[in-house]
Amino acid sequence: MDDQLAAQWLATAVEEARAGLAEGGIPIGAALYGPDGTVLGRGHNLRVQNGDPSLHAETAAFRHAGRQRSYRGTTMVTTLSPCWYCSGLVRQFGISRVVVGEDRTFRGGQEWLAEHGVEITVLDDPRCVSMMTDFIAARPDLWNEDIGK
């Protein structure tokens, strides 16, 4: 995937992450793009806001995308490396690509996804790094809850 296009699409996920942070939640955002480049769904982590541990950013974007005949050729864009739960969602539904804003603060199942044919692009975006670094420093309790520590 072209890094310039990936960076443009990441902007949608960053907007979502900022919205989640403004709501008092965990600043992780995601968007699912169709093969033609249209946004099928977008969302942010809602674990805190909805009291639902399954509402990660990727699952929120996936749910907002609704039913698709196929997810082949789609791209999940996320501000943070997908956890194992969200990596499983990518594999289960055959999402072709994952664009990761950053994987310094957390590294989930991206290598596993790559081993199974999912194209992975890591942008190491400074906005994503600083948003997560600042959040983890301010709310280590909430962060540890989110990653299951």
N, C-alpha and C. Protein backbone atom coordinates (compact mmCIF):
# COMPACT_ATOMS: atom_id res chain seq x y z
N MET A 1 0.84 -1.17 0.00
CA MET A 1 0.00 0.00 0.00
C MET A 1 0.89 1.24 0.00
N ASP A 2 0.49 2.21 -0.74
CA ASP A 2 1.21 3.48 -0.82
C ASP A 2 1.17 4.21 0.53
N ASP A 3 2.34 4.61 1.04
CA ASP A 3 2.41 5.26 2.35
C ASP A 3 1.64 6.58 2.39
N GLN A 4 1.60 7.30 1.30
CA GLN A 4 0.87 8.58 1.27
C GLN A 4 -0.63 8.35 1.43
N LEU A 5 -1.16 7.36 0.73
CA LEU A 5 -2.58 7.03 0.87
C LEU A 5 -2.86 6.50 2.28
N ALA A 6 -1.97 5.66 2.77
CA ALA A 6 -2.13 5.12 4.13
C ALA A 6 -2.18 6.25 5.16
N ALA A 7 -1.33 7.24 5.00
CA ALA A 7 -1.31 8.39 5.92
C ALA A 7 -2.60 9.19 5.82
N GLN A 8 -3.13 9.33 4.63
CA GLN A 8 -4.42 10.04 4.46
C GLN A 8 -5.53 9.28 5.18
N TRP A 9 -5.56 7.98 5.01
CA TRP A 9 -6.59 7.19 5.67
C TRP A 9 -6.41 7.17 7.18
N LEU A 10 -5.16 7.22 7.63
CA LEU A 10 -4.89 7.24 9.07
C LEU A 10 -5.52 8.46 9.73
N ALA A 11 -5.63 9.56 9.00
CA ALA A 11 -6.23 10.78 9.56
C ALA A 11 -7.63 10.52 10.10
N THR A 12 -8.39 9.65 9.44
CA THR A 12 -9.74 9.29 9.91
C THR A 12 -9.65 8.60 11.27
N ALA A 13 -8.74 7.66 11.39
CA ALA A 13 -8.57 6.93 12.65
C ALA A 13 -8.08 7.86 13.76
N VAL A 14 -7.20 8.80 13.43
CA VAL A 14 -6.71 9.77 14.43
C VAL A 14 -7.88 10.63 14.94
N GLU A 15 -8.75 11.07 14.04
CA GLU A 15 -9.95 11.83 14.46
C GLU A 15 -10.77 11.02 15.44
N GLU A 16 -10.95 9.76 15.15
CA GLU A 16 -11.72 8.89 16.04
C GLU A 16 -11.04 8.73 17.39
N ALA A 17 -9.71 8.55 17.39
CA ALA A 17 -8.97 8.40 18.65
C ALA A 17 -9.13 9.65 19.50
N ARG A 18 -9.04 10.80 18.89
CA ARG A 18 -9.20 12.07 19.62
C ARG A 18 -10.61 12.19 20.19
N ALA A 19 -11.60 11.74 19.43
CA ALA A 19 -12.98 11.77 19.93
C ALA A 19 -13.12 10.87 21.15
N GLY A 20 -12.52 9.69 21.11
CA GLY A 20 -12.57 8.79 22.25
C GLY A 20 -11.91 9.39 23.47
N LEU A 21 -10.78 10.03 23.29
CA LEU A 21 -10.09 10.68 24.40
C LEU A 21 -10.94 11.80 24.98
N ALA A 22 -11.57 12.59 24.13
CA ALA A 22 -12.42 13.70 24.58
C ALA A 22 -13.63 13.20 25.38
N GLU A 23 -14.05 11.97 25.12
CA GLU A 23 -15.18 11.37 25.84
C GLU A 23 -14.74 10.70 27.14
N GLY A 24 -13.44 10.75 27.44
CA GLY A 24 -12.93 10.13 28.65
C GLY A 24 -12.50 8.68 28.45
N GLY A 25 -12.40 8.28 27.19
CA GLY A 25 -12.03 6.90 26.90
C GLY A 25 -10.58 6.74 26.48
N ILE A 26 -10.30 5.58 25.95
CA ILE A 26 -8.95 5.23 25.53
C ILE A 26 -8.76 5.73 24.09
N PRO A 27 -7.69 6.47 23.82
CA PRO A 27 -7.54 7.12 22.51
C PRO A 27 -7.01 6.20 21.41
N ILE A 28 -7.87 5.30 20.99
CA ILE A 28 -7.55 4.43 19.86
C ILE A 28 -8.70 4.56 18.87
N GLY A 29 -8.35 4.82 17.62
CA GLY A 29 -9.36 4.98 16.59
C GLY A 29 -9.07 4.07 15.42
N ALA A 30 -10.11 3.80 14.63
CA ALA A 30 -9.96 2.92 13.47
C ALA A 30 -10.97 3.29 12.40
N ALA A 31 -10.68 2.83 11.19
CA ALA A 31 -11.61 2.97 10.07
C ALA A 31 -11.41 1.79 9.14
N LEU A 32 -12.50 1.32 8.57
CA LEU A 32 -12.45 0.25 7.58
C LEU A 32 -12.75 0.86 6.22
N TYR A 33 -11.79 0.72 5.31
CA TYR A 33 -11.92 1.26 3.96
C TYR A 33 -12.21 0.14 2.98
N GLY A 34 -13.11 0.43 2.03
CA GLY A 34 -13.43 -0.53 0.99
C GLY A 34 -12.34 -0.57 -0.07
N PRO A 35 -12.41 -1.57 -0.95
CA PRO A 35 -11.41 -1.69 -2.02
C PRO A 35 -11.34 -0.46 -2.92
N ASP A 36 -12.44 0.27 -3.01
CA ASP A 36 -12.47 1.47 -3.86
C ASP A 36 -12.07 2.74 -3.10
N GLY A 37 -11.69 2.60 -1.82
CA GLY A 37 -11.24 3.75 -1.04
C GLY A 37 -12.33 4.47 -0.27
N THR A 38 -13.54 3.96 -0.28
CA THR A 38 -14.61 4.59 0.50
C THR A 38 -14.55 4.11 1.94
N VAL A 39 -14.92 4.98 2.86
CA VAL A 39 -14.98 4.60 4.27
C VAL A 39 -16.25 3.79 4.47
N LEU A 40 -16.07 2.54 4.86
CA LEU A 40 -17.22 1.68 5.14
C LEU A 40 -17.72 1.88 6.57
N GLY A 41 -16.78 2.11 7.49
CA GLY A 41 -17.12 2.31 8.88
C GLY A 41 -15.94 2.90 9.62
N ARG A 42 -16.25 3.60 10.67
CA ARG A 42 -15.20 4.20 11.51
C ARG A 42 -15.67 4.15 12.94
N GLY A 43 -14.70 4.18 13.87
CA GLY A 43 -15.09 4.12 15.27
C GLY A 43 -13.88 4.26 16.17
N HIS A 44 -14.16 4.32 17.47
CA HIS A 44 -13.09 4.42 18.46
C HIS A 44 -13.40 3.50 19.63
N ASN A 45 -12.38 3.26 20.41
CA ASN A 45 -12.50 2.40 21.58
C ASN A 45 -13.59 2.97 22.49
N LEU A 46 -14.56 2.13 22.84
CA LEU A 46 -15.69 2.55 23.68
C LEU A 46 -15.82 1.71 24.94
N ARG A 47 -14.74 1.06 25.33
CA ARG A 47 -14.78 0.21 26.52
C ARG A 47 -15.26 0.98 27.75
N VAL A 48 -14.70 2.18 27.92
CA VAL A 48 -15.02 2.98 29.11
C VAL A 48 -16.41 3.58 28.97
N GLN A 49 -16.66 4.23 27.84
CA GLN A 49 -17.91 4.95 27.64
C GLN A 49 -19.14 4.02 27.71
N ASN A 50 -19.03 2.83 27.13
CA ASN A 50 -20.17 1.91 27.08
C ASN A 50 -20.08 0.79 28.11
N GLY A 51 -18.96 0.72 28.83
CA GLY A 51 -18.79 -0.37 29.79
C GLY A 51 -18.75 -1.73 29.11
N ASP A 52 -18.28 -1.76 27.86
CA ASP A 52 -18.27 -2.98 27.07
C ASP A 52 -16.83 -3.32 26.68
N PRO A 53 -16.24 -4.35 27.28
CA PRO A 53 -14.85 -4.66 26.99
C PRO A 53 -14.58 -5.12 25.57
N SER A 54 -15.63 -5.44 24.81
CA SER A 54 -15.42 -5.90 23.44
C SER A 54 -15.44 -4.77 22.42
N LEU A 55 -15.71 -3.55 22.85
CA LEU A 55 -15.81 -2.45 21.89
C LEU A 55 -14.47 -1.73 21.70
N HIS A 56 -13.57 -2.45 21.07
CA HIS A 56 -12.30 -1.86 20.66
C HIS A 56 -12.54 -1.01 19.42
N ALA A 57 -11.59 -0.18 19.07
CA ALA A 57 -11.75 0.72 17.92
C ALA A 57 -12.02 -0.07 16.63
N GLU A 58 -11.27 -1.14 16.42
CA GLU A 58 -11.43 -1.93 15.19
C GLU A 58 -12.80 -2.58 15.14
N THR A 59 -13.28 -3.09 16.28
CA THR A 59 -14.60 -3.72 16.28
C THR A 59 -15.69 -2.67 16.08
N ALA A 60 -15.50 -1.48 16.63
CA ALA A 60 -16.49 -0.41 16.42
C ALA A 60 -16.55 -0.02 14.94
N ALA A 61 -15.39 0.12 14.31
CA ALA A 61 -15.37 0.46 12.87
C ALA A 61 -16.00 -0.67 12.06
N PHE A 62 -15.69 -1.91 12.41
CA PHE A 62 -16.24 -3.08 11.72
C PHE A 62 -17.76 -3.10 11.86
N ARG A 63 -18.26 -2.87 13.06
CA ARG A 63 -19.71 -2.87 13.29
C ARG A 63 -20.39 -1.76 12.51
N HIS A 64 -19.76 -0.59 12.46
CA HIS A 64 -20.34 0.53 11.70
C HIS A 64 -20.33 0.27 10.20
N ALA A 65 -19.45 -0.58 9.74
CA ALA A 65 -19.40 -0.92 8.32
C ALA A 65 -20.62 -1.76 7.92
N GLY A 66 -21.17 -2.46 8.88
CA GLY A 66 -22.32 -3.31 8.57
C GLY A 66 -21.93 -4.52 7.74
N ARG A 67 -22.94 -5.26 7.35
CA ARG A 67 -22.70 -6.48 6.57
C ARG A 67 -22.16 -6.12 5.20
N GLN A 68 -21.14 -6.83 4.81
CA GLN A 68 -20.57 -6.72 3.47
C GLN A 68 -20.60 -8.12 2.86
N ARG A 69 -20.78 -8.18 1.58
CA ARG A 69 -20.75 -9.49 0.92
C ARG A 69 -19.40 -10.16 1.15
N SER A 70 -18.35 -9.37 1.11
CA SER A 70 -17.00 -9.87 1.33
C SER A 70 -16.16 -8.73 1.89
N TYR A 71 -15.17 -9.08 2.69
CA TYR A 71 -14.24 -8.09 3.22
C TYR A 71 -12.90 -8.17 2.50
N ARG A 72 -12.80 -9.00 1.48
CA ARG A 72 -11.58 -9.11 0.69
C ARG A 72 -11.32 -7.77 0.01
N GLY A 73 -10.07 -7.35 0.05
CA GLY A 73 -9.72 -6.08 -0.56
C GLY A 73 -9.92 -4.87 0.34
N THR A 74 -10.48 -5.09 1.54
CA THR A 74 -10.68 -3.97 2.46
C THR A 74 -9.42 -3.72 3.28
N THR A 75 -9.35 -2.54 3.87
CA THR A 75 -8.20 -2.14 4.68
C THR A 75 -8.69 -1.61 6.02
N MET A 76 -8.18 -2.21 7.10
CA MET A 76 -8.45 -1.71 8.44
C MET A 76 -7.32 -0.77 8.81
N VAL A 77 -7.66 0.46 9.12
CA VAL A 77 -6.67 1.47 9.52
C VAL A 77 -6.88 1.71 11.01
N THR A 78 -5.82 1.62 11.78
CA THR A 78 -5.93 1.76 13.23
C THR A 78 -4.75 2.56 13.78
N THR A 79 -5.01 3.35 14.79
CA THR A 79 -3.95 4.19 15.35
C THR A 79 -2.91 3.38 16.12
N LEU A 80 -3.28 2.17 16.55
CA LEU A 80 -2.40 1.35 17.37
C LEU A 80 -2.41 -0.08 16.86
N SER A 81 -1.29 -0.76 16.98
CA SER A 81 -1.20 -2.16 16.57
C SER A 81 -2.38 -2.94 17.12
N PRO A 82 -3.06 -3.73 16.28
CA PRO A 82 -4.25 -4.44 16.76
C PRO A 82 -3.91 -5.53 17.76
N CYS A 83 -4.70 -5.60 18.81
CA CYS A 83 -4.54 -6.65 19.82
C CYS A 83 -4.89 -8.00 19.18
N TRP A 84 -4.75 -9.06 19.94
CA TRP A 84 -5.06 -10.39 19.42
C TRP A 84 -6.54 -10.52 19.08
N TYR A 85 -7.38 -9.93 19.87
CA TYR A 85 -8.83 -9.97 19.63
C TYR A 85 -9.15 -9.34 18.27
N CYS A 86 -8.62 -8.15 18.03
CA CYS A 86 -8.88 -7.45 16.77
C CYS A 86 -8.14 -8.09 15.60
N SER A 87 -6.98 -8.67 15.88
CA SER A 87 -6.26 -9.42 14.84
C SER A 87 -7.10 -10.62 14.40
N GLY A 88 -7.76 -11.25 15.35
CA GLY A 88 -8.64 -12.37 15.02
C GLY A 88 -9.80 -11.93 14.14
N LEU A 89 -10.35 -10.77 14.41
CA LEU A 89 -11.42 -10.22 13.58
C LEU A 89 -10.94 -10.04 12.14
N VAL A 90 -9.75 -9.48 11.98
CA VAL A 90 -9.17 -9.28 10.64
C VAL A 90 -9.06 -10.61 9.91
N ARG A 91 -8.52 -11.62 10.59
CA ARG A 91 -8.36 -12.94 9.97
C ARG A 91 -9.70 -13.61 9.69
N GLN A 92 -10.59 -13.57 10.67
CA GLN A 92 -11.88 -14.24 10.54
C GLN A 92 -12.64 -13.78 9.30
N PHE A 93 -12.60 -12.48 9.03
CA PHE A 93 -13.41 -11.94 7.95
C PHE A 93 -12.61 -11.64 6.68
N GLY A 94 -11.34 -11.99 6.66
CA GLY A 94 -10.56 -11.88 5.44
C GLY A 94 -10.22 -10.47 5.02
N ILE A 95 -10.08 -9.57 5.99
CA ILE A 95 -9.64 -8.20 5.69
C ILE A 95 -8.23 -8.30 5.14
N SER A 96 -7.98 -7.65 4.02
CA SER A 96 -6.73 -7.86 3.28
C SER A 96 -5.52 -7.10 3.82
N ARG A 97 -5.75 -5.92 4.38
CA ARG A 97 -4.66 -5.04 4.79
C ARG A 97 -4.96 -4.41 6.13
N VAL A 98 -3.88 -4.12 6.86
CA VAL A 98 -3.99 -3.35 8.10
C VAL A 98 -2.92 -2.27 8.05
N VAL A 99 -3.37 -1.03 8.25
CA VAL A 99 -2.45 0.10 8.38
C VAL A 99 -2.41 0.45 9.86
N VAL A 100 -1.20 0.46 10.42
CA VAL A 100 -0.99 0.68 11.85
C VAL A 100 -0.35 2.05 12.04
N GLY A 101 -0.98 2.90 12.84
CA GLY A 101 -0.42 4.22 13.12
C GLY A 101 0.89 4.12 13.89
N GLU A 102 0.91 3.26 14.91
CA GLU A 102 2.14 3.06 15.69
C GLU A 102 2.09 1.74 16.42
N ASP A 103 3.29 1.17 16.64
CA ASP A 103 3.40 -0.07 17.39
C ASP A 103 4.49 -0.01 18.45
N ARG A 104 4.86 1.21 18.84
CA ARG A 104 5.89 1.36 19.89
C ARG A 104 5.31 1.08 21.27
N THR A 105 4.12 1.60 21.55
CA THR A 105 3.54 1.48 22.88
C THR A 105 2.86 0.14 23.10
N PHE A 106 2.47 -0.51 22.01
CA PHE A 106 1.81 -1.82 22.10
C PHE A 106 1.97 -2.52 20.76
N ARG A 107 2.30 -3.79 20.85
CA ARG A 107 2.42 -4.59 19.63
C ARG A 107 1.56 -5.83 19.81
N GLY A 108 0.52 -5.89 19.01
CA GLY A 108 -0.40 -7.01 19.10
C GLY A 108 -0.05 -8.12 18.13
N GLY A 109 -1.02 -8.52 17.32
CA GLY A 109 -0.86 -9.67 16.45
C GLY A 109 -0.45 -9.36 15.02
N GLN A 110 0.20 -8.24 14.79
CA GLN A 110 0.50 -7.86 13.41
C GLN A 110 1.45 -8.82 12.71
N GLU A 111 2.43 -9.39 13.40
CA GLU A 111 3.32 -10.35 12.76
C GLU A 111 2.55 -11.61 12.38
N TRP A 112 1.69 -12.05 13.26
CA TRP A 112 0.85 -13.21 13.00
C TRP A 112 -0.03 -12.96 11.78
N LEU A 113 -0.60 -11.77 11.69
CA LEU A 113 -1.41 -11.43 10.53
C LEU A 113 -0.57 -11.49 9.25
N ALA A 114 0.62 -10.91 9.30
CA ALA A 114 1.51 -10.92 8.13
C ALA A 114 1.85 -12.35 7.72
N GLU A 115 2.10 -13.21 8.70
CA GLU A 115 2.41 -14.61 8.40
C GLU A 115 1.26 -15.32 7.69
N HIS A 116 0.07 -14.80 7.87
CA HIS A 116 -1.12 -15.40 7.26
C HIS A 116 -1.64 -14.60 6.07
N GLY A 117 -0.76 -13.81 5.46
CA GLY A 117 -1.09 -13.17 4.19
C GLY A 117 -1.73 -11.80 4.26
N VAL A 118 -1.86 -11.23 5.45
CA VAL A 118 -2.42 -9.89 5.57
C VAL A 118 -1.29 -8.89 5.36
N GLU A 119 -1.52 -7.93 4.49
CA GLU A 119 -0.52 -6.90 4.23
C GLU A 119 -0.53 -5.91 5.40
N ILE A 120 0.63 -5.67 5.99
CA ILE A 120 0.76 -4.78 7.14
C ILE A 120 1.62 -3.58 6.75
N THR A 121 1.12 -2.39 7.06
CA THR A 121 1.90 -1.16 6.89
C THR A 121 1.95 -0.46 8.23
N VAL A 122 3.14 -0.24 8.76
CA VAL A 122 3.31 0.49 10.02
C VAL A 122 3.87 1.86 9.68
N LEU A 123 3.13 2.91 10.06
CA LEU A 123 3.52 4.27 9.71
C LEU A 123 4.38 4.96 10.76
N ASP A 124 4.39 4.47 11.99
CA ASP A 124 5.14 5.10 13.08
C ASP A 124 4.83 6.60 13.13
N ASP A 125 3.55 6.90 13.16
CA ASP A 125 3.05 8.27 13.12
C ASP A 125 3.27 8.96 14.47
N PRO A 126 3.95 10.12 14.49
CA PRO A 126 4.24 10.80 15.76
C PRO A 126 2.99 11.21 16.53
N ARG A 127 1.91 11.55 15.84
CA ARG A 127 0.65 11.90 16.55
C ARG A 127 0.14 10.71 17.34
N CYS A 128 0.19 9.56 16.73
CA CYS A 128 -0.30 8.35 17.39
C CYS A 128 0.60 7.96 18.57
N VAL A 129 1.90 8.06 18.36
CA VAL A 129 2.85 7.73 19.43
C VAL A 129 2.63 8.65 20.63
N SER A 130 2.58 9.95 20.38
CA SER A 130 2.45 10.89 21.51
C SER A 130 1.09 10.76 22.20
N MET A 131 0.02 10.52 21.42
CA MET A 131 -1.30 10.37 22.03
C MET A 131 -1.31 9.19 23.00
N MET A 132 -0.73 8.05 22.58
CA MET A 132 -0.72 6.88 23.45
C MET A 132 0.27 7.02 24.59
N THR A 133 1.44 7.57 24.33
CA THR A 133 2.43 7.76 25.39
C THR A 133 1.88 8.66 26.49
N ASP A 134 1.25 9.76 26.08
CA ASP A 134 0.66 10.69 27.06
C ASP A 134 -0.47 10.02 27.84
N PHE A 135 -1.30 9.26 27.14
CA PHE A 135 -2.42 8.58 27.81
C PHE A 135 -1.92 7.55 28.80
N ILE A 136 -0.95 6.73 28.38
CA ILE A 136 -0.43 5.69 29.27
C ILE A 136 0.20 6.30 30.52
N ALA A 137 0.90 7.43 30.36
CA ALA A 137 1.51 8.11 31.52
C ALA A 137 0.43 8.67 32.45
N ALA A 138 -0.64 9.18 31.88
CA ALA A 138 -1.71 9.80 32.69
C ALA A 138 -2.65 8.78 33.31
N ARG A 139 -2.90 7.66 32.61
CA ARG A 139 -3.90 6.68 33.06
C ARG A 139 -3.38 5.25 32.97
N PRO A 140 -2.27 4.93 33.65
CA PRO A 140 -1.72 3.57 33.55
C PRO A 140 -2.72 2.50 34.00
N ASP A 141 -3.57 2.82 34.98
CA ASP A 141 -4.56 1.86 35.46
C ASP A 141 -5.54 1.48 34.35
N LEU A 142 -6.04 2.46 33.65
CA LEU A 142 -7.00 2.22 32.58
C LEU A 142 -6.33 1.51 31.40
N TRP A 143 -5.11 1.91 31.09
CA TRP A 143 -4.37 1.27 30.01
C TRP A 143 -4.13 -0.20 30.32
N ASN A 144 -3.67 -0.50 31.54
CA ASN A 144 -3.42 -1.89 31.92
C ASN A 144 -4.69 -2.72 31.89
N GLU A 145 -5.81 -2.12 32.27
CA GLU A 145 -7.09 -2.81 32.17
C GLU A 145 -7.39 -3.13 30.70
N ASP A 146 -7.14 -2.18 29.82
CA ASP A 146 -7.46 -2.36 28.41
C ASP A 146 -6.64 -3.48 27.78
N ILE A 147 -5.37 -3.59 28.17
CA ILE A 147 -4.52 -4.62 27.56
C ILE A 147 -4.49 -5.91 28.38
N GLY A 148 -5.30 -5.97 29.43
CA GLY A 148 -5.44 -7.21 30.19
C GLY A 148 -4.31 -7.51 31.15
N LYS A 149 -3.67 -6.46 31.69
CA LYS A 149 -2.60 -6.67 32.66
C LYS A 149 -3.10 -6.45 34.07
